[in-house]
Amino acid sequence: YRRSLSPSQRSQAIREEGQFGSDLTYGNIPEIIPAFVSFPYQ
């Protein structure tokens, strides 16, 4: 679906991916947790 988007739409999606979560409170979540969670996506 990303490939089906226009160049401008893909650029906007990339910007939004970078923007998402700016105000999230990570607190003291250990680094190992996001490392585990991101593994299936990687």
PDB file of all heavy atoms in Angstrom:
ATOM      1  N   TYR A   1       0.836  -1.210   0.000  1.00  0.00           N
ATOM      2  CA  TYR A   1       0.000   0.000   0.000  1.00  0.00           C
ATOM      3  C   TYR A   1       0.865   1.253   0.000  1.00  0.00           C
ATOM      4  O   TYR A   1       0.561   2.230  -0.691  1.00  0.00           O
ATOM      5  CB  TYR A   1      -0.927   0.008   1.212  1.00  0.00           C
ATOM      6  CG  TYR A   1      -1.886   1.178   1.195  1.00  0.00           C
ATOM      7  CD1 TYR A   1      -2.938   1.221   0.288  1.00  0.00           C
ATOM      8  CD2 TYR A   1      -1.722   2.256   2.057  1.00  0.00           C
ATOM      9  CE1 TYR A   1      -3.811   2.300   0.241  1.00  0.00           C
ATOM     10  CE2 TYR A   1      -2.589   3.337   2.023  1.00  0.00           C
ATOM     11  CZ  TYR A   1      -3.631   3.355   1.117  1.00  0.00           C
ATOM     12  OH  TYR A   1      -4.488   4.434   1.069  1.00  0.00           O
ATOM     13  N   ARG A   2       1.961   1.223   0.731  1.00  0.00           N
ATOM     14  CA  ARG A   2       2.870   2.371   0.733  1.00  0.00           C
ATOM     15  C   ARG A   2       3.387   2.650  -0.681  1.00  0.00           C
ATOM     16  O   ARG A   2       3.484   3.801  -1.099  1.00  0.00           O
ATOM     17  CB  ARG A   2       4.043   2.104   1.688  1.00  0.00           C
ATOM     18  CG  ARG A   2       4.972   3.304   1.898  1.00  0.00           C
ATOM     19  CD  ARG A   2       6.171   2.899   2.742  1.00  0.00           C
ATOM     20  NE  ARG A   2       5.772   2.462   4.073  1.00  0.00           N
ATOM     21  CZ  ARG A   2       5.685   3.270   5.119  1.00  0.00           C
ATOM     22  NH1 ARG A   2       5.964   4.552   4.986  1.00  0.00           N
ATOM     23  NH2 ARG A   2       5.325   2.796   6.301  1.00  0.00           N
ATOM     24  N   ARG A   3       3.715   1.590  -1.409  1.00  0.00           N
ATOM     25  CA  ARG A   3       4.202   1.762  -2.780  1.00  0.00           C
ATOM     26  C   ARG A   3       3.127   2.330  -3.690  1.00  0.00           C
ATOM     27  O   ARG A   3       3.431   2.957  -4.714  1.00  0.00           O
ATOM     28  CB  ARG A   3       4.715   0.431  -3.333  1.00  0.00           C
ATOM     29  CG  ARG A   3       5.994  -0.069  -2.676  1.00  0.00           C
ATOM     30  CD  ARG A   3       6.598  -1.243  -3.438  1.00  0.00           C
ATOM     31  NE  ARG A   3       5.720  -2.426  -3.444  1.00  0.00           N
ATOM     32  CZ  ARG A   3       5.744  -3.376  -2.529  1.00  0.00           C
ATOM     33  NH1 ARG A   3       6.604  -3.314  -1.519  1.00  0.00           N
ATOM     34  NH2 ARG A   3       4.935  -4.425  -2.621  1.00  0.00           N
ATOM     35  N   SER A   4       1.851   2.109  -3.360  1.00  0.00           N
ATOM     36  CA  SER A   4       0.757   2.611  -4.192  1.00  0.00           C
ATOM     37  C   SER A   4       0.492   4.104  -3.982  1.00  0.00           C
ATOM     38  O   SER A   4      -0.215   4.720  -4.780  1.00  0.00           O
ATOM     39  CB  SER A   4      -0.530   1.821  -3.904  1.00  0.00           C
ATOM     40  OG  SER A   4      -1.125   2.225  -2.673  1.00  0.00           O
ATOM     41  N   LEU A   5       1.046   4.674  -2.918  1.00  0.00           N
ATOM     42  CA  LEU A   5       0.837   6.092  -2.630  1.00  0.00           C
ATOM     43  C   LEU A   5       1.666   6.957  -3.565  1.00  0.00           C
ATOM     44  O   LEU A   5       2.692   6.519  -4.108  1.00  0.00           O
ATOM     45  CB  LEU A   5       1.212   6.395  -1.174  1.00  0.00           C
ATOM     46  CG  LEU A   5       0.414   5.679  -0.084  1.00  0.00           C
ATOM     47  CD1 LEU A   5       0.985   6.024   1.288  1.00  0.00           C
ATOM     48  CD2 LEU A   5      -1.069   6.040  -0.159  1.00  0.00           C
ATOM     49  N   SER A   6       1.246   8.185  -3.729  1.00  0.00           N
ATOM     50  CA  SER A   6       2.034   9.144  -4.519  1.00  0.00           C
ATOM     51  C   SER A   6       3.287   9.521  -3.737  1.00  0.00           C
ATOM     52  O   SER A   6       3.347   9.339  -2.506  1.00  0.00           O
ATOM     53  CB  SER A   6       1.202  10.395  -4.783  1.00  0.00           C
ATOM     54  OG  SER A   6       0.978  11.111  -3.575  1.00  0.00           O
ATOM     55  N   PRO A   7       4.311  10.046  -4.405  1.00  0.00           N
ATOM     56  CA  PRO A   7       5.528  10.465  -3.695  1.00  0.00           C
ATOM     57  C   PRO A   7       5.239  11.437  -2.546  1.00  0.00           C
ATOM     58  O   PRO A   7       5.831  11.318  -1.473  1.00  0.00           O
ATOM     59  CB  PRO A   7       6.367  11.123  -4.792  1.00  0.00           C
ATOM     60  CG  PRO A   7       5.948  10.428  -6.039  1.00  0.00           C
ATOM     61  CD  PRO A   7       4.472  10.181  -5.881  1.00  0.00           C
ATOM     62  N   SER A   8       4.323  12.368  -2.760  1.00  0.00           N
ATOM     63  CA  SER A   8       4.020  13.333  -1.702  1.00  0.00           C
ATOM     64  C   SER A   8       3.327  12.650  -0.523  1.00  0.00           C
ATOM     65  O   SER A   8       3.574  12.980   0.647  1.00  0.00           O
ATOM     66  CB  SER A   8       3.145  14.463  -2.245  1.00  0.00           C
ATOM     67  OG  SER A   8       1.891  13.966  -2.697  1.00  0.00           O
ATOM     68  N   GLN A   9       2.450  11.676  -0.814  1.00  0.00           N
ATOM     69  CA  GLN A   9       1.775  10.950   0.270  1.00  0.00           C
ATOM     70  C   GLN A   9       2.761  10.093   1.057  1.00  0.00           C
ATOM     71  O   GLN A   9       2.682  10.007   2.283  1.00  0.00           O
ATOM     72  CB  GLN A   9       0.657  10.082  -0.305  1.00  0.00           C
ATOM     73  CG  GLN A   9      -0.541  10.862  -0.818  1.00  0.00           C
ATOM     74  CD  GLN A   9      -1.531   9.971  -1.540  1.00  0.00           C
ATOM     75  OE1 GLN A   9      -1.152   9.014  -2.228  1.00  0.00           O
ATOM     76  NE2 GLN A   9      -2.811  10.282  -1.399  1.00  0.00           N
ATOM     77  N   ARG A  10       3.703   9.467   0.349  1.00  0.00           N
ATOM     78  CA  ARG A  10       4.721   8.676   1.039  1.00  0.00           C
ATOM     79  C   ARG A  10       5.577   9.559   1.935  1.00  0.00           C
ATOM     80  O   ARG A  10       5.907   9.186   3.069  1.00  0.00           O
ATOM     81  CB  ARG A  10       5.597   7.928   0.028  1.00  0.00           C
ATOM     82  CG  ARG A  10       4.909   6.741  -0.614  1.00  0.00           C
ATOM     83  CD  ARG A  10       5.902   5.795  -1.264  1.00  0.00           C
ATOM     84  NE  ARG A  10       6.614   6.403  -2.378  1.00  0.00           N
ATOM     85  CZ  ARG A  10       6.198   6.373  -3.641  1.00  0.00           C
ATOM     86  NH1 ARG A  10       5.053   5.752  -3.933  1.00  0.00           N
ATOM     87  NH2 ARG A  10       6.906   6.930  -4.597  1.00  0.00           N
ATOM     88  N   SER A  11       5.923  10.728   1.428  1.00  0.00           N
ATOM     89  CA  SER A  11       6.723  11.654   2.241  1.00  0.00           C
ATOM     90  C   SER A  11       5.960  12.085   3.485  1.00  0.00           C
ATOM     91  O   SER A  11       6.530  12.174   4.582  1.00  0.00           O
ATOM     92  CB  SER A  11       7.115  12.880   1.410  1.00  0.00           C
ATOM     93  OG  SER A  11       7.952  12.518   0.336  1.00  0.00           O
ATOM     94  N   GLN A  12       4.659  12.349   3.315  1.00  0.00           N
ATOM     95  CA  GLN A  12       3.852  12.753   4.460  1.00  0.00           C
ATOM     96  C   GLN A  12       3.759  11.617   5.485  1.00  0.00           C
ATOM     97  O   GLN A  12       3.847  11.858   6.697  1.00  0.00           O
ATOM     98  CB  GLN A  12       2.451  13.152   4.016  1.00  0.00           C
ATOM     99  CG  GLN A  12       1.576  13.664   5.164  1.00  0.00           C
ATOM    100  CD  GLN A  12       0.185  14.066   4.713  1.00  0.00           C
ATOM    101  OE1 GLN A  12      -0.071  14.224   3.524  1.00  0.00           O
ATOM    102  NE2 GLN A  12      -0.722  14.232   5.670  1.00  0.00           N
ATOM    103  N   ALA A  13       3.594  10.392   5.004  1.00  0.00           N
ATOM    104  CA  ALA A  13       3.529   9.251   5.914  1.00  0.00           C
ATOM    105  C   ALA A  13       4.825   9.105   6.697  1.00  0.00           C
ATOM    106  O   ALA A  13       4.813   8.831   7.907  1.00  0.00           O
ATOM    107  CB  ALA A  13       3.231   7.973   5.135  1.00  0.00           C
ATOM    108  N   ILE A  14       5.962   9.298   6.018  1.00  0.00           N
ATOM    109  CA  ILE A  14       7.261   9.206   6.693  1.00  0.00           C
ATOM    110  C   ILE A  14       7.377  10.283   7.768  1.00  0.00           C
ATOM    111  O   ILE A  14       7.849  10.036   8.877  1.00  0.00           O
ATOM    112  CB  ILE A  14       8.405   9.319   5.673  1.00  0.00           C
ATOM    113  CG1 ILE A  14       8.447   8.059   4.788  1.00  0.00           C
ATOM    114  CG2 ILE A  14       9.754   9.501   6.388  1.00  0.00           C
ATOM    115  CD1 ILE A  14       9.387   8.167   3.616  1.00  0.00           C
ATOM    116  N   ARG A  15       6.930  11.494   7.442  1.00  0.00           N
ATOM    117  CA  ARG A  15       6.983  12.572   8.432  1.00  0.00           C
ATOM    118  C   ARG A  15       6.113  12.238   9.635  1.00  0.00           C
ATOM    119  O   ARG A  15       6.516  12.458  10.779  1.00  0.00           O
ATOM    120  CB  ARG A  15       6.522  13.896   7.807  1.00  0.00           C
ATOM    121  CG  ARG A  15       7.510  14.499   6.817  1.00  0.00           C
ATOM    122  CD  ARG A  15       7.152  15.952   6.533  1.00  0.00           C
ATOM    123  NE  ARG A  15       5.802  16.106   6.000  1.00  0.00           N
ATOM    124  CZ  ARG A  15       5.495  16.065   4.719  1.00  0.00           C
ATOM    125  NH1 ARG A  15       6.438  15.855   3.814  1.00  0.00           N
ATOM    126  NH2 ARG A  15       4.235  16.231   4.313  1.00  0.00           N
ATOM    127  N   GLU A  16       4.924  11.715   9.365  1.00  0.00           N
ATOM    128  CA  GLU A  16       4.024  11.377  10.470  1.00  0.00           C
ATOM    129  C   GLU A  16       4.594  10.247  11.325  1.00  0.00           C
ATOM    130  O   GLU A  16       4.438  10.252  12.558  1.00  0.00           O
ATOM    131  CB  GLU A  16       2.657  10.970   9.920  1.00  0.00           C
ATOM    132  CG  GLU A  16       1.865  12.121   9.339  1.00  0.00           C
ATOM    133  CD  GLU A  16       0.514  11.640   8.856  1.00  0.00           C
ATOM    134  OE1 GLU A  16       0.420  11.217   7.700  1.00  0.00           O
ATOM    135  OE2 GLU A  16      -0.431  11.670   9.658  1.00  0.00           O
ATOM    136  N   GLU A  17       5.238   9.269  10.696  1.00  0.00           N
ATOM    137  CA  GLU A  17       5.864   8.192  11.459  1.00  0.00           C
ATOM    138  C   GLU A  17       6.926   8.747  12.388  1.00  0.00           C
ATOM    139  O   GLU A  17       7.096   8.292  13.523  1.00  0.00           O
ATOM    140  CB  GLU A  17       6.465   7.153  10.513  1.00  0.00           C
ATOM    141  CG  GLU A  17       5.421   6.270   9.856  1.00  0.00           C
ATOM    142  CD  GLU A  17       6.002   5.373   8.794  1.00  0.00           C
ATOM    143  OE1 GLU A  17       6.971   5.769   8.120  1.00  0.00           O
ATOM    144  OE2 GLU A  17       5.474   4.253   8.629  1.00  0.00           O
ATOM    145  N   GLY A  18       7.665   9.748  11.898  1.00  0.00           N
ATOM    146  CA  GLY A  18       8.674  10.378  12.727  1.00  0.00           C
ATOM    147  C   GLY A  18       8.087  11.242  13.824  1.00  0.00           C
ATOM    148  O   GLY A  18       8.672  11.408  14.894  1.00  0.00           O
ATOM    149  N   GLN A  19       6.888  11.781  13.554  1.00  0.00           N
ATOM    150  CA  GLN A  19       6.260  12.681  14.515  1.00  0.00           C
ATOM    151  C   GLN A  19       5.494  11.935  15.607  1.00  0.00           C
ATOM    152  O   GLN A  19       5.392  12.404  16.730  1.00  0.00           O
ATOM    153  CB  GLN A  19       5.273  13.610  13.776  1.00  0.00           C
ATOM    154  CG  GLN A  19       5.959  14.616  12.873  1.00  0.00           C
ATOM    155  CD  GLN A  19       5.000  15.263  11.890  1.00  0.00           C
ATOM    156  OE1 GLN A  19       3.814  14.935  11.858  1.00  0.00           O
ATOM    157  NE2 GLN A  19       5.516  16.159  11.071  1.00  0.00           N
ATOM    158  N   PHE A  20       4.999  10.765  15.244  1.00  0.00           N
ATOM    159  CA  PHE A  20       4.137  10.051  16.181  1.00  0.00           C
ATOM    160  C   PHE A  20       4.864   9.739  17.488  1.00  0.00           C
ATOM    161  O   PHE A  20       5.980   9.270  17.519  1.00  0.00           O
ATOM    162  CB  PHE A  20       3.648   8.744  15.559  1.00  0.00           C
ATOM    163  CG  PHE A  20       2.821   7.920  16.506  1.00  0.00           C
ATOM    164  CD1 PHE A  20       1.575   8.353  16.910  1.00  0.00           C
ATOM    165  CD2 PHE A  20       3.316   6.733  17.014  1.00  0.00           C
ATOM    166  CE1 PHE A  20       0.818   7.607  17.789  1.00  0.00           C
ATOM    167  CE2 PHE A  20       2.566   5.974  17.892  1.00  0.00           C
ATOM    168  CZ  PHE A  20       1.311   6.417  18.285  1.00  0.00           C
ATOM    169  N   GLY A  21       4.215  10.009  18.566  1.00  0.00           N
ATOM    170  CA  GLY A  21       4.763   9.640  19.864  1.00  0.00           C
ATOM    171  C   GLY A  21       5.622  10.683  20.513  1.00  0.00           C
ATOM    172  O   GLY A  21       6.268  10.412  21.520  1.00  0.00           O
ATOM    173  N   SER A  22       5.633  11.920  19.978  1.00  0.00           N
ATOM    174  CA  SER A  22       6.523  12.939  20.532  1.00  0.00           C
ATOM    175  C   SER A  22       6.212  13.255  21.985  1.00  0.00           C
ATOM    176  O   SER A  22       7.098  13.600  22.755  1.00  0.00           O
ATOM    177  CB  SER A  22       6.449  14.219  19.700  1.00  0.00           C
ATOM    178  OG  SER A  22       5.139  14.748  19.725  1.00  0.00           O
ATOM    179  N   ASP A  23       4.962  13.143  22.374  1.00  0.00           N
ATOM    180  CA  ASP A  23       4.571  13.481  23.737  1.00  0.00           C
ATOM    181  C   ASP A  23       4.375  12.254  24.620  1.00  0.00           C
ATOM    182  O   ASP A  23       3.834  12.359  25.717  1.00  0.00           O
ATOM    183  CB  ASP A  23       3.265  14.294  23.724  1.00  0.00           C
ATOM    184  CG  ASP A  23       3.473  15.700  23.180  1.00  0.00           C
ATOM    185  OD1 ASP A  23       4.629  16.152  23.170  1.00  0.00           O
ATOM    186  OD2 ASP A  23       2.481  16.321  22.765  1.00  0.00           O
ATOM    187  N   LEU A  24       4.837  11.086  24.144  1.00  0.00           N
ATOM    188  CA  LEU A  24       4.663   9.886  24.949  1.00  0.00           C
ATOM    189  C   LEU A  24       5.574   9.917  26.168  1.00  0.00           C
ATOM    190  O   LEU A  24       6.697  10.404  26.118  1.00  0.00           O
ATOM    191  CB  LEU A  24       4.977   8.637  24.117  1.00  0.00           C
ATOM    192  CG  LEU A  24       4.090   8.390  22.900  1.00  0.00           C
ATOM    193  CD1 LEU A  24       4.502   7.098  22.220  1.00  0.00           C
ATOM    194  CD2 LEU A  24       2.629   8.364  23.284  1.00  0.00           C
ATOM    195  N   THR A  25       5.082   9.369  27.256  1.00  0.00           N
ATOM    196  CA  THR A  25       5.851   9.292  28.489  1.00  0.00           C
ATOM    197  C   THR A  25       6.452   7.899  28.595  1.00  0.00           C
ATOM    198  O   THR A  25       5.758   6.940  28.963  1.00  0.00           O
ATOM    199  CB  THR A  25       4.955   9.575  29.707  1.00  0.00           C
ATOM    200  OG1 THR A  25       4.332  10.845  29.537  1.00  0.00           O
ATOM    201  CG2 THR A  25       5.782   9.581  30.978  1.00  0.00           C
ATOM    202  N   TYR A  26       7.727   7.779  28.254  1.00  0.00           N
ATOM    203  CA  TYR A  26       8.380   6.478  28.306  1.00  0.00           C
ATOM    204  C   TYR A  26       8.695   6.069  29.737  1.00  0.00           C
ATOM    205  O   TYR A  26       8.857   4.890  30.026  1.00  0.00           O
ATOM    206  CB  TYR A  26       9.667   6.488  27.474  1.00  0.00           C
ATOM    207  CG  TYR A  26       9.419   6.494  25.995  1.00  0.00           C
ATOM    208  CD1 TYR A  26       9.162   7.674  25.321  1.00  0.00           C
ATOM    209  CD2 TYR A  26       9.433   5.308  25.269  1.00  0.00           C
ATOM    210  CE1 TYR A  26       8.926   7.693  23.959  1.00  0.00           C
ATOM    211  CE2 TYR A  26       9.200   5.306  23.901  1.00  0.00           C
ATOM    212  CZ  TYR A  26       8.940   6.503  23.252  1.00  0.00           C
ATOM    213  OH  TYR A  26       8.699   6.511  21.903  1.00  0.00           O
ATOM    214  N   GLY A  27       8.790   7.071  30.625  1.00  0.00           N
ATOM    215  CA  GLY A  27       9.077   6.769  32.022  1.00  0.00           C
ATOM    216  C   GLY A  27      10.352   5.967  32.151  1.00  0.00           C
ATOM    217  O   GLY A  27      11.367   6.272  31.529  1.00  0.00           O
ATOM    218  N   ASN A  28      10.296   4.913  32.934  1.00  0.00           N
ATOM    219  CA  ASN A  28      11.474   4.075  33.168  1.00  0.00           C
ATOM    220  C   ASN A  28      11.342   2.717  32.500  1.00  0.00           C
ATOM    221  O   ASN A  28      11.897   1.735  32.993  1.00  0.00           O
ATOM    222  CB  ASN A  28      11.684   3.897  34.677  1.00  0.00           C
ATOM    223  CG  ASN A  28      11.986   5.205  35.383  1.00  0.00           C
ATOM    224  OD1 ASN A  28      12.807   5.993  34.904  1.00  0.00           O
ATOM    225  ND2 ASN A  28      11.323   5.449  36.503  1.00  0.00           N
ATOM    226  N   ILE A  29      10.607   2.651  31.392  1.00  0.00           N
ATOM    227  CA  ILE A  29      10.479   1.380  30.685  1.00  0.00           C
ATOM    228  C   ILE A  29      11.863   0.928  30.211  1.00  0.00           C
ATOM    229  O   ILE A  29      12.549   1.656  29.495  1.00  0.00           O
ATOM    230  CB  ILE A  29       9.527   1.509  29.482  1.00  0.00           C
ATOM    231  CG1 ILE A  29       8.100   1.787  29.965  1.00  0.00           C
ATOM    232  CG2 ILE A  29       9.535   0.231  28.650  1.00  0.00           C
ATOM    233  CD1 ILE A  29       7.108   1.985  28.866  1.00  0.00           C
ATOM    234  N   PRO A  30      12.320  -0.257  30.612  1.00  0.00           N
ATOM    235  CA  PRO A  30      13.664  -0.711  30.246  1.00  0.00           C
ATOM    236  C   PRO A  30      13.818  -0.852  28.740  1.00  0.00           C
ATOM    237  O   PRO A  30      12.867  -1.210  28.035  1.00  0.00           O
ATOM    238  CB  PRO A  30      13.782  -2.074  30.941  1.00  0.00           C
ATOM    239  CG  PRO A  30      12.714  -2.083  31.985  1.00  0.00           C
ATOM    240  CD  PRO A  30      11.607  -1.228  31.458  1.00  0.00           C
ATOM    241  N   GLU A  31      15.014  -0.609  28.244  1.00  0.00           N
ATOM    242  CA  GLU A  31      15.268  -0.671  26.804  1.00  0.00           C
ATOM    243  C   GLU A  31      14.967  -2.052  26.237  1.00  0.00           C
ATOM    244  O   GLU A  31      14.618  -2.189  25.067  1.00  0.00           O
ATOM    245  CB  GLU A  31      16.719  -0.296  26.511  1.00  0.00           C
ATOM    246  CG  GLU A  31      17.055   1.158  26.783  1.00  0.00           C
ATOM    247  CD  GLU A  31      18.492   1.493  26.419  1.00  0.00           C
ATOM    248  OE1 GLU A  31      19.187   0.603  25.885  1.00  0.00           O
ATOM    249  OE2 GLU A  31      18.912   2.631  26.690  1.00  0.00           O
ATOM    250  N   ILE A  32      15.112  -3.088  27.047  1.00  0.00           N
ATOM    251  CA  ILE A  32      14.907  -4.443  26.549  1.00  0.00           C
ATOM    252  C   ILE A  32      13.464  -4.667  26.109  1.00  0.00           C
ATOM    253  O   ILE A  32      13.196  -5.459  25.197  1.00  0.00           O
ATOM    254  CB  ILE A  32      15.312  -5.474  27.629  1.00  0.00           C
ATOM    255  CG1 ILE A  32      15.405  -6.885  27.027  1.00  0.00           C
ATOM    256  CG2 ILE A  32      14.355  -5.449  28.803  1.00  0.00           C
ATOM    257  CD1 ILE A  32      16.517  -7.070  26.047  1.00  0.00           C
ATOM    258  N   ILE A  33      12.510  -3.955  26.717  1.00  0.00           N
ATOM    259  CA  ILE A  33      11.099  -4.171  26.378  1.00  0.00           C
ATOM    260  C   ILE A  33      10.799  -3.731  24.948  1.00  0.00           C
ATOM    261  O   ILE A  33      10.274  -4.518  24.153  1.00  0.00           O
ATOM    262  CB  ILE A  33      10.173  -3.481  27.394  1.00  0.00           C
ATOM    263  CG1 ILE A  33      10.433  -4.021  28.812  1.00  0.00           C
ATOM    264  CG2 ILE A  33       8.719  -3.671  27.002  1.00  0.00           C
ATOM    265  CD1 ILE A  33      10.239  -5.504  28.973  1.00  0.00           C
ATOM    266  N   PRO A  34      11.114  -2.478  24.552  1.00  0.00           N
ATOM    267  CA  PRO A  34      10.890  -2.132  23.141  1.00  0.00           C
ATOM    268  C   PRO A  34      11.741  -2.947  22.182  1.00  0.00           C
ATOM    269  O   PRO A  34      11.334  -3.193  21.045  1.00  0.00           O
ATOM    270  CB  PRO A  34      11.241  -0.639  23.072  1.00  0.00           C
ATOM    271  CG  PRO A  34      11.983  -0.329  24.311  1.00  0.00           C
ATOM    272  CD  PRO A  34      11.518  -1.305  25.346  1.00  0.00           C
ATOM    273  N   ALA A  35      12.903  -3.412  22.630  1.00  0.00           N
ATOM    274  CA  ALA A  35      13.722  -4.270  21.763  1.00  0.00           C
ATOM    275  C   ALA A  35      12.997  -5.578  21.469  1.00  0.00           C
ATOM    276  O   ALA A  35      12.967  -6.051  20.326  1.00  0.00           O
ATOM    277  CB  ALA A  35      15.075  -4.541  22.420  1.00  0.00           C
ATOM    278  N   PHE A  36      12.397  -6.170  22.494  1.00  0.00           N
ATOM    279  CA  PHE A  36      11.614  -7.386  22.297  1.00  0.00           C
ATOM    280  C   PHE A  36      10.398  -7.117  21.418  1.00  0.00           C
ATOM    281  O   PHE A  36      10.098  -7.863  20.487  1.00  0.00           O
ATOM    282  CB  PHE A  36      11.127  -7.926  23.640  1.00  0.00           C
ATOM    283  CG  PHE A  36      12.158  -8.676  24.431  1.00  0.00           C
ATOM    284  CD1 PHE A  36      12.131  -8.666  25.817  1.00  0.00           C
ATOM    285  CD2 PHE A  36      13.146  -9.409  23.803  1.00  0.00           C
ATOM    286  CE1 PHE A  36      13.074  -9.362  26.555  1.00  0.00           C
ATOM    287  CE2 PHE A  36      14.093 -10.106  24.525  1.00  0.00           C
ATOM    288  CZ  PHE A  36      14.059 -10.086  25.910  1.00  0.00           C
ATOM    289  N   VAL A  37       9.674  -6.052  21.748  1.00  0.00           N
ATOM    290  CA  VAL A  37       8.397  -5.794  21.084  1.00  0.00           C
ATOM    291  C   VAL A  37       8.592  -5.467  19.604  1.00  0.00           C
ATOM    292  O   VAL A  37       7.777  -5.827  18.763  1.00  0.00           O
ATOM    293  CB  VAL A  37       7.638  -4.666  21.809  1.00  0.00           C
ATOM    294  CG1 VAL A  37       6.420  -4.241  21.028  1.00  0.00           C
ATOM    295  CG2 VAL A  37       7.235  -5.127  23.200  1.00  0.00           C
ATOM    296  N   SER A  38       9.672  -4.769  19.282  1.00  0.00           N
ATOM    297  CA  SER A  38       9.896  -4.391  17.879  1.00  0.00           C
ATOM    298  C   SER A  38      10.412  -5.549  17.039  1.00  0.00           C
ATOM    299  O   SER A  38      10.352  -5.497  15.802  1.00  0.00           O
ATOM    300  CB  SER A  38      10.872  -3.212  17.800  1.00  0.00           C
ATOM    301  OG  SER A  38      12.151  -3.579  18.296  1.00  0.00           O
ATOM    302  N   PHE A  39      10.883  -6.625  17.671  1.00  0.00           N
ATOM    303  CA  PHE A  39      11.511  -7.714  16.919  1.00  0.00           C
ATOM    304  C   PHE A  39      10.609  -8.319  15.847  1.00  0.00           C
ATOM    305  O   PHE A  39      11.046  -8.499  14.695  1.00  0.00           O
ATOM    306  CB  PHE A  39      11.996  -8.800  17.893  1.00  0.00           C
ATOM    307  CG  PHE A  39      12.591  -9.998  17.218  1.00  0.00           C
ATOM    308  CD1 PHE A  39      13.839  -9.932  16.611  1.00  0.00           C
ATOM    309  CD2 PHE A  39      11.901 -11.206  17.163  1.00  0.00           C
ATOM    310  CE1 PHE A  39      14.388 -11.031  15.976  1.00  0.00           C
ATOM    311  CE2 PHE A  39      12.439 -12.314  16.536  1.00  0.00           C
ATOM    312  CZ  PHE A  39      13.693 -12.223  15.941  1.00  0.00           C
ATOM    313  N   PRO A  40       9.330  -8.651  16.135  1.00  0.00           N
ATOM    314  CA  PRO A  40       8.498  -9.229  15.073  1.00  0.00           C
ATOM    315  C   PRO A  40       8.336  -8.324  13.865  1.00  0.00           C
ATOM    316  O   PRO A  40       8.153  -8.811  12.741  1.00  0.00           O
ATOM    317  CB  PRO A  40       7.147  -9.458  15.778  1.00  0.00           C
ATOM    318  CG  PRO A  40       7.490  -9.582  17.218  1.00  0.00           C
ATOM    319  CD  PRO A  40       8.620  -8.622  17.430  1.00  0.00           C
ATOM    320  N   TYR A  41       8.407  -7.010  14.077  1.00  0.00           N
ATOM    321  CA  TYR A  41       8.262  -6.059  12.972  1.00  0.00           C
ATOM    322  C   TYR A  41       9.554  -5.927  12.177  1.00  0.00           C
ATOM    323  O   TYR A  41       9.537  -5.671  10.978  1.00  0.00           O
ATOM    324  CB  TYR A  41       7.830  -4.702  13.523  1.00  0.00           C
ATOM    325  CG  TYR A  41       6.589  -4.793  14.358  1.00  0.00           C
ATOM    326  CD1 TYR A  41       6.666  -5.072  15.714  1.00  0.00           C
ATOM    327  CD2 TYR A  41       5.333  -4.660  13.785  1.00  0.00           C
ATOM    328  CE1 TYR A  41       5.530  -5.198  16.483  1.00  0.00           C
ATOM    329  CE2 TYR A  41       4.185  -4.781  14.549  1.00  0.00           C
ATOM    330  CZ  TYR A  41       4.286  -5.054  15.894  1.00  0.00           C
ATOM    331  OH  TYR A  41       3.165  -5.195  16.655  1.00  0.00           O
ATOM    332  N   GLN A  42      10.668  -6.129  12.846  1.00  0.00           N
ATOM    333  CA  GLN A  42      11.948  -6.025  12.161  1.00  0.00           C
ATOM    334  C   GLN A  42      12.219  -7.218  11.264  1.00  0.00           C
ATOM    335  O   GLN A  42      12.864  -7.083  10.225  1.00  0.00           O
ATOM    336  CB  GLN A  42      13.069  -5.866  13.198  1.00  0.00           C
ATOM    337  CG  GLN A  42      13.012  -4.544  13.954  1.00  0.00           C
ATOM    338  CD  GLN A  42      14.001  -4.477  15.102  1.00  0.00           C
ATOM    339  OE1 GLN A  42      14.328  -5.499  15.707  1.00  0.00           O
ATOM    340  NE2 GLN A  42      14.478  -3.291  15.408  1.00  0.00           N
TER     341      GLN A  42
END
